[in-house]
Amino acid sequence: MYYLLSAIGAFILVLLGIIGYFLKQHIHVVKDLTKSVNLLSTIVSVLDNKYKNIIVGCDQRYGGLNLRITTHGRRIDEIDVEIAKIQTELKLTKK
């Protein structure tokens, strides 16, 4: 009976050793994954800040450009109206 209990105890110790080994490996993997996730979070926030800064820079650079395009569009519309008036006057004088 003593030998049987000793064998069972040794078997349980071996199983606990195997479980402990795999738990140790799992803990290392989890630590590595945590480091990777933290690094990725840092990279994403840096890229997000750069993206926001680019948007602000574009708005500053091209805000004046949009104003100029709008102004030129209005002037072109006015010139189109004047050209249409001149063309109608020319047609009337040719008759």
Protein backbone atom coordinates (compact mmCIF):
# COMPACT_ATOMS: atom_id res chain seq x y z
CA MET A 1 0.00 0.00 0.00
CA TYR A 2 2.88 2.34 0.85
CA TYR A 3 4.44 1.79 -2.60
CA LEU A 4 1.17 2.51 -4.33
CA LEU A 5 0.73 5.81 -2.46
CA SER A 6 4.37 6.71 -3.20
CA ALA A 7 3.89 6.01 -6.91
CA ILE A 8 0.69 8.03 -7.03
CA GLY A 9 2.38 10.89 -5.13
CA ALA A 10 5.33 10.84 -7.54
CA PHE A 11 2.96 10.81 -10.52
CA ILE A 12 1.05 13.79 -9.11
CA LEU A 13 4.35 15.63 -8.54
CA VAL A 14 5.39 14.98 -12.14
CA LEU A 15 2.03 16.24 -13.40
CA LEU A 16 2.31 19.34 -11.21
CA GLY A 17 5.82 19.92 -12.55
CA ILE A 18 4.57 19.71 -16.14
CA ILE A 19 1.67 22.04 -15.37
CA GLY A 20 4.05 24.45 -13.63
CA TYR A 21 6.39 24.44 -16.65
CA PHE A 22 3.58 25.25 -19.06
CA LEU A 23 2.20 27.93 -16.73
CA LYS A 24 5.65 29.51 -16.62
CA GLN A 25 5.81 29.50 -20.43
CA HIS A 26 2.30 30.94 -20.61
CA ILE A 27 3.25 33.75 -18.20
CA HIS A 28 6.24 34.67 -20.40
CA VAL A 29 4.05 34.73 -23.49
CA VAL A 30 1.47 36.91 -21.76
CA LYS A 31 4.20 39.33 -20.63
CA ASP A 32 5.56 39.55 -24.18
CA LEU A 33 2.08 40.13 -25.57
CA THR A 34 1.45 42.86 -22.98
CA LYS A 35 4.68 44.61 -23.99
CA SER A 36 3.73 44.36 -27.67
CA VAL A 37 0.24 45.73 -27.07
CA ASN A 38 1.62 48.64 -25.04
CA LEU A 39 4.15 49.40 -27.78
CA LEU A 40 1.44 49.29 -30.44
CA SER A 41 -0.77 51.58 -28.37
CA THR A 42 2.08 54.07 -28.11
CA ILE A 43 2.73 53.90 -31.85
CA VAL A 44 -0.95 54.38 -32.66
CA SER A 45 -1.21 57.44 -30.43
CA VAL A 46 1.94 58.95 -31.97
CA LEU A 47 0.57 58.36 -35.48
CA ASP A 48 -2.80 59.80 -34.46
CA ASN A 49 -1.12 62.96 -33.18
CA LYS A 50 0.90 63.27 -36.39
CA TYR A 51 -2.28 62.85 -38.44
CA LYS A 52 -4.07 65.55 -36.45
CA ASN A 53 -1.11 67.89 -36.89
CA ILE A 54 -1.12 67.26 -40.64
CA ILE A 55 -4.83 68.11 -40.80
CA VAL A 56 -4.26 71.36 -38.89
CA GLY A 57 -1.36 72.22 -41.20
CA CYS A 58 -3.43 71.54 -44.30
CA ASP A 59 -6.26 73.70 -43.03
CA GLN A 60 -3.82 76.53 -42.39
CA ARG A 61 -2.14 76.19 -45.79
CA TYR A 62 -5.19 75.63 -47.92
CA GLY A 63 -7.74 77.79 -46.11
CA GLY A 64 -6.51 80.82 -48.05
CA LEU A 65 -6.43 78.79 -51.23
CA ASN A 66 -10.09 77.85 -50.85
CA LEU A 67 -10.94 81.52 -50.36
CA ARG A 68 -9.04 82.43 -53.52
CA ILE A 69 -10.78 79.68 -55.49
CA THR A 70 -14.19 80.92 -54.31
CA THR A 71 -13.30 84.51 -55.23
CA HIS A 72 -12.07 83.46 -58.67
CA GLY A 73 -15.22 81.42 -59.22
CA ARG A 74 -17.37 84.47 -58.51
CA ARG A 75 -15.29 86.63 -60.85
CA ILE A 76 -15.58 84.03 -63.62
CA ASP A 77 -19.37 84.00 -63.16
CA GLU A 78 -19.45 87.80 -63.43
CA ILE A 79 -17.29 87.72 -66.57
CA ASP A 80 -19.60 85.08 -68.10
CA VAL A 81 -22.57 87.37 -67.55
CA GLU A 82 -20.71 90.31 -69.13
CA ILE A 83 -19.68 88.19 -72.13
CA ALA A 84 -23.29 87.09 -72.62
CA LYS A 85 -24.40 90.76 -72.57
CA ILE A 86 -21.73 91.72 -75.12
CA GLN A 87 -22.69 88.82 -77.39
CA THR A 88 -26.37 89.83 -77.32
CA GLU A 89 -25.45 93.44 -78.09
CA LEU A 90 -23.29 92.29 -81.03
CA LYS A 91 -26.13 90.15 -82.39
CA LEU A 92 -28.50 93.11 -82.15
CA THR A 93 -26.10 95.47 -83.96
CA LYS A 94 -25.42 92.98 -86.79
CA LYS A 95 -29.04 92.87 -87.84
